[in-house]
N, C-alpha and C. Protein backbone atom coordinates (compact mmCIF):
# COMPACT_ATOMS: atom_id res chain seq x y z
N UNK A 1 -23.81 -6.24 4.85
CA UNK A 1 -22.89 -6.78 5.17
C UNK A 1 -21.58 -6.02 5.26
N UNK A 2 -20.53 -6.04 6.28
CA UNK A 2 -19.71 -4.99 6.80
C UNK A 2 -18.67 -5.08 5.72
N UNK A 3 -18.02 -4.00 5.16
CA UNK A 3 -16.68 -4.12 4.44
C UNK A 3 -15.62 -3.67 4.89
N UNK A 4 -14.70 -4.35 4.66
CA UNK A 4 -12.94 -3.77 5.26
C UNK A 4 -12.26 -3.50 4.21
N UNK A 5 -11.52 -2.30 4.22
CA UNK A 5 -10.61 -1.53 3.17
C UNK A 5 -9.28 -1.02 4.08
N UNK A 6 -8.44 -1.80 3.50
CA UNK A 6 -7.14 -1.81 3.76
C UNK A 6 -6.51 -0.60 3.03
N UNK A 7 -5.54 -0.04 3.84
CA UNK A 7 -4.57 1.33 3.09
C UNK A 7 -3.34 1.17 3.71
N UNK A 8 -2.36 1.93 3.52
CA UNK A 8 -1.14 2.27 4.13
C UNK A 8 -0.07 1.62 3.65
N UNK A 9 -0.17 0.60 2.55
CA UNK A 9 0.95 0.09 1.86
C UNK A 9 1.73 0.70 1.07
N UNK A 10 2.62 0.41 0.73
CA UNK A 10 3.60 1.25 -0.03
C UNK A 10 5.22 0.49 -0.24
N UNK A 11 5.71 1.24 -0.64
CA UNK A 11 7.49 0.81 -1.03
C UNK A 11 8.39 1.40 -0.10
N UNK A 12 8.88 0.40 0.59
CA UNK A 12 9.81 0.72 1.67
C UNK A 12 11.23 0.30 1.63
N UNK A 13 12.34 0.75 1.92
CA UNK A 13 13.33 0.00 2.20
C UNK A 13 13.82 -0.81 3.28
N UNK A 14 14.60 -2.01 3.37
CA UNK A 14 14.76 -3.09 4.68
C UNK A 14 15.38 -2.00 5.75
N UNK A 15 14.38 -2.24 6.89
CA UNK A 15 14.64 -1.45 7.94
C UNK A 15 13.72 -0.59 8.24
N UNK A 16 12.60 -0.46 6.98
CA UNK A 16 12.03 1.04 7.08
C UNK A 16 10.44 0.38 8.05
N UNK A 17 9.52 1.51 8.14
CA UNK A 17 8.38 1.15 8.65
C UNK A 17 7.35 1.48 7.95
N UNK A 18 6.08 0.79 8.15
CA UNK A 18 4.78 1.18 7.64
C UNK A 18 3.69 0.61 8.82
N UNK A 19 2.66 1.44 8.60
CA UNK A 19 1.67 1.39 9.12
C UNK A 19 0.23 1.35 8.29
N UNK A 20 -0.38 -0.30 8.53
CA UNK A 20 -1.39 -0.41 7.51
C UNK A 20 -2.32 -0.27 8.55
N UNK A 21 -3.67 -0.05 7.58
CA UNK A 21 -5.02 0.48 8.37
C UNK A 21 -6.04 -0.53 7.89
N UNK A 22 -7.08 -0.76 8.56
CA UNK A 22 -8.42 -1.59 8.12
C UNK A 22 -9.62 -0.73 8.67
N UNK A 23 -10.16 -0.06 7.76
CA UNK A 23 -11.53 0.64 7.81
C UNK A 23 -12.72 -0.24 7.74
N UNK A 24 -13.43 -0.45 8.64
CA UNK A 24 -14.51 -1.12 8.35
C UNK A 24 -15.86 -0.35 8.34
N UNK A 25 -16.81 -0.72 7.86
CA UNK A 25 -17.80 -0.02 7.55
C UNK A 25 -19.12 0.22 8.52
N UNK A 26 -19.10 -0.84 9.39
CA UNK A 26 -20.09 -0.44 10.40
C UNK A 26 -19.46 -1.59 11.90
N UNK A 27 -20.62 -1.07 12.68
CA UNK A 27 -20.14 -1.30 14.29
C UNK A 27 -20.06 -3.05 14.51
N UNK A 28 -20.42 -3.71 13.54
CA UNK A 28 -20.49 -5.40 13.66
C UNK A 28 -19.07 -5.56 13.39
N UNK A 29 -17.90 -4.65 13.22
CA UNK A 29 -16.78 -4.87 13.38
C UNK A 29 -16.46 -5.39 14.79
N UNK A 30 -16.92 -4.51 15.44
CA UNK A 30 -16.63 -4.46 16.86
C UNK A 30 -16.88 -5.87 17.41
N UNK A 31 -17.71 -6.87 16.99
CA UNK A 31 -17.88 -8.16 17.40
C UNK A 31 -17.12 -9.35 16.81
N UNK A 32 -16.05 -9.17 16.41
CA UNK A 32 -15.25 -9.99 15.78
C UNK A 32 -13.81 -9.62 16.08
N UNK A 33 -13.18 -10.89 16.41
CA UNK A 33 -11.64 -10.80 16.27
C UNK A 33 -11.37 -10.06 14.77
N UNK A 34 -10.01 -9.53 14.87
CA UNK A 34 -9.48 -9.15 13.73
C UNK A 34 -8.06 -9.68 13.52
N UNK A 35 -7.82 -10.21 12.00
CA UNK A 35 -6.58 -10.53 11.76
C UNK A 35 -6.07 -10.02 10.64
N UNK A 36 -4.80 -10.05 10.41
CA UNK A 36 -4.09 -9.68 9.21
C UNK A 36 -3.45 -10.89 8.92
N UNK A 37 -3.53 -10.99 7.36
CA UNK A 37 -2.74 -12.30 6.71
C UNK A 37 -1.92 -11.33 5.54
N UNK A 38 -1.06 -12.03 4.92
CA UNK A 38 -0.36 -11.71 3.86
C UNK A 38 -0.22 -12.86 3.02
N UNK A 39 -0.01 -12.43 1.72
CA UNK A 39 0.42 -13.46 0.50
C UNK A 39 1.40 -12.68 -0.59
N UNK A 40 2.67 -13.60 -0.27
CA UNK A 40 3.63 -13.20 -1.39
C UNK A 40 3.57 -13.83 -2.55
N UNK A 41 4.22 -13.16 -3.79
CA UNK A 41 3.79 -13.58 -5.20
C UNK A 41 4.41 -15.36 -5.06
N UNK A 42 3.40 -16.34 -5.87
CA UNK A 42 3.77 -17.56 -5.56
C UNK A 42 3.73 -18.35 -4.28
N UNK A 43 3.18 -17.83 -3.39
CA UNK A 43 3.05 -18.51 -2.21
C UNK A 43 1.64 -18.36 -1.48
N UNK A 44 1.41 -19.42 -0.60
CA UNK A 44 -0.07 -19.48 0.14
C UNK A 44 0.16 -18.33 0.89
N UNK A 45 -1.34 -17.73 1.11
CA UNK A 45 -1.65 -16.71 1.82
C UNK A 45 -1.38 -17.27 3.28
N UNK A 46 -0.79 -16.45 4.29
CA UNK A 46 -0.33 -16.61 5.52
C UNK A 46 -0.61 -15.79 6.76
N UNK A 47 -1.18 -16.55 7.77
CA UNK A 47 -1.66 -15.77 8.73
C UNK A 47 -0.38 -14.79 9.50
N UNK A 48 -0.66 -13.45 10.09
CA UNK A 48 0.37 -12.81 10.35
C UNK A 48 0.51 -12.36 11.66
N UNK A 49 -1.12 -12.04 12.07
CA UNK A 49 -1.33 -11.47 13.65
C UNK A 49 -3.10 -11.50 13.77
N UNK A 50 -3.22 -11.56 15.20
CA UNK A 50 -4.57 -11.52 15.46
C UNK A 50 -4.68 -10.44 16.66
N UNK A 51 -5.83 -10.47 16.84
CA UNK A 51 -6.06 -9.44 17.74
C UNK A 51 -7.69 -9.74 18.51
N UNK A 52 -8.04 -9.60 19.60
CA UNK A 52 -9.83 -9.96 20.11
C UNK A 52 -10.41 -8.87 19.83
N UNK A 53 -11.63 -9.32 20.35
CA UNK A 53 -12.74 -8.02 19.79
C UNK A 53 -12.50 -6.78 20.33
N UNK A 54 -11.99 -7.07 21.57
CA UNK A 54 -12.42 -5.75 22.54
C UNK A 54 -10.45 -5.29 22.60
N UNK A 55 -9.58 -5.65 21.57
CA UNK A 55 -8.17 -5.63 21.63
C UNK A 55 -7.35 -6.08 22.73
N UNK A 56 -7.96 -7.37 22.87
CA UNK A 56 -7.03 -8.12 23.84
C UNK A 56 -6.50 -9.13 22.93
N UNK A 57 -5.46 -10.08 23.70
CA UNK A 57 -5.28 -11.23 23.24
C UNK A 57 -4.47 -11.29 21.83
N UNK A 58 -3.47 -10.01 21.49
CA UNK A 58 -2.67 -9.90 20.60
C UNK A 58 -2.04 -11.51 20.60
N UNK A 59 -1.89 -11.67 19.09
CA UNK A 59 -0.85 -12.66 18.73
C UNK A 59 -0.30 -12.58 17.40
N UNK A 60 0.90 -13.18 17.36
CA UNK A 60 1.92 -13.00 16.08
C UNK A 60 2.56 -14.38 15.70
N UNK A 61 2.63 -14.27 14.37
CA UNK A 61 3.61 -15.33 13.75
C UNK A 61 5.06 -15.16 14.30
N UNK A 62 5.67 -16.14 14.44
CA UNK A 62 7.11 -16.09 15.07
C UNK A 62 7.94 -14.97 14.24
N UNK A 63 7.87 -15.10 12.86
CA UNK A 63 8.68 -14.33 12.12
C UNK A 63 8.51 -12.66 12.21
N UNK A 64 7.30 -12.12 12.88
CA UNK A 64 7.01 -10.60 13.10
C UNK A 64 7.08 -10.34 14.25
N UNK A 65 7.32 -11.34 15.47
CA UNK A 65 7.14 -10.99 16.63
C UNK A 65 8.34 -10.05 17.02
N UNK A 66 7.91 -8.93 17.96
CA UNK A 66 9.07 -7.74 18.16
C UNK A 66 9.14 -6.83 16.98
N UNK A 67 8.50 -6.97 16.13
CA UNK A 67 8.59 -5.99 14.86
C UNK A 67 7.33 -5.37 14.59
N UNK A 68 6.39 -6.26 14.12
CA UNK A 68 5.05 -6.06 14.18
C UNK A 68 4.06 -5.59 15.33
N UNK A 69 3.29 -4.78 15.24
CA UNK A 69 2.14 -4.41 16.49
C UNK A 69 0.72 -4.57 15.71
N UNK A 70 -0.19 -5.17 16.47
CA UNK A 70 -1.67 -5.08 15.88
C UNK A 70 -2.22 -4.45 16.97
N UNK A 71 -3.34 -3.89 16.29
CA UNK A 71 -4.33 -3.06 17.26
C UNK A 71 -5.38 -2.67 16.72
N UNK A 72 -6.50 -2.06 17.34
CA UNK A 72 -7.86 -1.71 16.74
C UNK A 72 -8.37 -0.64 17.55
N UNK A 73 -9.27 0.00 17.20
CA UNK A 73 -9.91 1.23 17.70
C UNK A 73 -11.44 1.09 17.22
N UNK A 74 -12.27 0.25 18.12
CA UNK A 74 -13.59 -0.26 17.76
C UNK A 74 -14.40 1.59 17.39
N UNK A 75 -14.09 2.14 18.37
CA UNK A 75 -14.78 3.49 18.30
C UNK A 75 -14.80 4.38 16.74
N UNK A 76 -13.10 4.09 16.09
CA UNK A 76 -13.14 4.35 15.07
C UNK A 76 -13.47 3.34 13.92
N UNK A 77 -13.93 2.09 14.02
CA UNK A 77 -14.04 1.07 13.37
C UNK A 77 -12.96 1.09 12.55
N UNK A 78 -11.70 0.78 13.28
CA UNK A 78 -10.51 0.63 12.40
C UNK A 78 -9.61 -0.34 13.24
N UNK A 79 -8.71 -0.97 12.51
CA UNK A 79 -7.75 -1.77 12.96
C UNK A 79 -6.57 -1.50 12.08
N UNK A 80 -5.39 -2.18 12.96
CA UNK A 80 -3.79 -1.31 12.37
C UNK A 80 -2.77 -2.37 12.48
N UNK A 81 -1.78 -2.37 11.62
CA UNK A 81 -0.62 -3.13 11.96
C UNK A 81 0.53 -2.32 11.43
N UNK A 82 1.05 -1.91 12.60
CA UNK A 82 2.40 -1.02 12.83
C UNK A 82 3.32 -2.09 12.23
N UNK A 83 4.18 -1.86 11.67
CA UNK A 83 5.27 -2.86 11.13
C UNK A 83 6.68 -1.89 11.12
N UNK A 84 7.51 -2.43 11.86
CA UNK A 84 8.97 -1.90 11.63
C UNK A 84 9.85 -2.62 11.40
N UNK A 85 11.03 -2.40 11.19
CA UNK A 85 12.12 -3.38 11.03
C UNK A 85 11.92 -4.17 9.71
N UNK A 86 11.21 -3.81 8.75
CA UNK A 86 10.83 -4.64 7.35
C UNK A 86 12.14 -5.06 6.97
N UNK A 87 11.57 -6.27 6.41
CA UNK A 87 12.67 -6.99 5.73
C UNK A 87 12.20 -7.35 4.57
N UNK A 88 13.15 -7.84 3.53
CA UNK A 88 12.91 -8.00 1.94
C UNK A 88 11.57 -9.05 2.09
N UNK A 89 11.62 -10.24 3.03
CA UNK A 89 10.75 -11.06 2.96
C UNK A 89 9.32 -10.73 3.56
N UNK A 90 9.50 -9.50 3.84
CA UNK A 90 7.93 -9.10 4.28
C UNK A 90 7.09 -8.54 2.95
N UNK A 91 7.71 -8.69 1.88
CA UNK A 91 6.91 -8.08 0.87
C UNK A 91 6.00 -8.86 0.58
N UNK A 92 4.65 -8.64 0.41
CA UNK A 92 3.47 -9.24 0.20
C UNK A 92 2.15 -8.52 0.11
N UNK A 93 1.07 -8.83 -0.60
CA UNK A 93 -0.18 -7.93 -0.42
C UNK A 93 -0.63 -8.66 1.50
N UNK A 94 -1.37 -7.55 1.77
CA UNK A 94 -1.81 -7.71 3.45
C UNK A 94 -3.29 -7.43 3.42
N UNK A 95 -3.55 -8.54 3.88
CA UNK A 95 -5.25 -8.63 4.21
C UNK A 95 -5.68 -8.38 5.33
N UNK A 96 -6.90 -7.69 5.75
CA UNK A 96 -7.43 -7.54 6.87
C UNK A 96 -8.41 -8.85 6.77
N UNK A 97 -8.76 -9.24 8.02
CA UNK A 97 -9.84 -10.34 7.91
C UNK A 97 -10.68 -10.31 9.32
N UNK A 98 -12.00 -10.31 9.47
CA UNK A 98 -13.01 -10.58 10.41
C UNK A 98 -13.50 -11.75 10.22
N UNK A 99 -12.89 -12.86 11.16
CA UNK A 99 -13.12 -13.99 10.97
C UNK A 99 -14.71 -14.27 11.54
N UNK A 100 -15.00 -13.96 12.54
CA UNK A 100 -16.64 -13.89 12.84
C UNK A 100 -17.59 -13.61 11.67
N UNK A 101 -17.20 -12.61 10.92
CA UNK A 101 -18.07 -11.88 9.92
C UNK A 101 -17.71 -12.50 8.74
N UNK A 102 -16.78 -13.43 8.43
CA UNK A 102 -16.49 -13.87 7.19
C UNK A 102 -16.20 -13.00 6.23
N UNK A 103 -15.38 -12.06 6.44
CA UNK A 103 -15.26 -10.70 5.67
C UNK A 103 -13.88 -10.46 5.61
N UNK A 104 -13.28 -10.44 4.06
CA UNK A 104 -12.05 -9.98 3.92
C UNK A 104 -11.84 -8.51 3.38
N UNK A 105 -10.71 -8.00 3.51
CA UNK A 105 -10.61 -6.74 2.47
C UNK A 105 -9.93 -7.03 1.21
N UNK A 106 -9.87 -6.17 0.32
CA UNK A 106 -9.27 -6.24 -0.86
C UNK A 106 -7.52 -6.31 -0.66
N UNK A 107 -7.08 -6.02 0.29
CA UNK A 107 -5.46 -5.95 0.31
C UNK A 107 -4.85 -4.76 -0.04
N UNK A 108 -3.62 -4.70 0.63
CA UNK A 108 -2.92 -3.81 0.32
C UNK A 108 -1.48 -3.95 0.05
N UNK A 109 -0.75 -3.63 -0.94
CA UNK A 109 0.63 -4.14 -1.14
C UNK A 109 1.70 -3.70 -0.63
N UNK A 110 2.46 -4.36 0.03
CA UNK A 110 3.75 -3.83 0.95
C UNK A 110 4.99 -4.21 0.04
N UNK A 111 5.94 -3.45 -0.70
CA UNK A 111 6.78 -3.86 -1.15
C UNK A 111 8.32 -3.27 -0.29
N UNK A 112 9.13 -4.26 0.28
CA UNK A 112 10.22 -3.81 0.75
C UNK A 112 11.53 -4.21 -0.16
N UNK A 113 11.89 -3.31 -0.50
CA UNK A 113 12.88 -3.13 -1.61
C UNK A 113 14.22 -2.33 -1.51
N UNK A 114 15.52 -2.58 -2.11
CA UNK A 114 16.31 -1.61 -1.86
C UNK A 114 16.28 -0.48 -3.53
């Protein structure tokens, strides 16, 4: 079964940027849509963004539109979430998800703090 590994999280001040990566273990990754979710302490996991299997149909939750960009490179077996203009409320563990393959990554922590 394909595995997903996120990286790129860290601590950043409000207004800063981070680029998250999702590395897949095999080419079946290219058959699935890809999604990013996040879960803040004490809150439910929420959908952040999604993209089609060939990099089409990017879609975002309203609160990140214009600040986050989702992308993927199937040749590199990778997915990405470029985050700019980060807010304190963006603090969460971010997860990569391949819904057609029923696979989640382990998550990467993003902390936005002064």
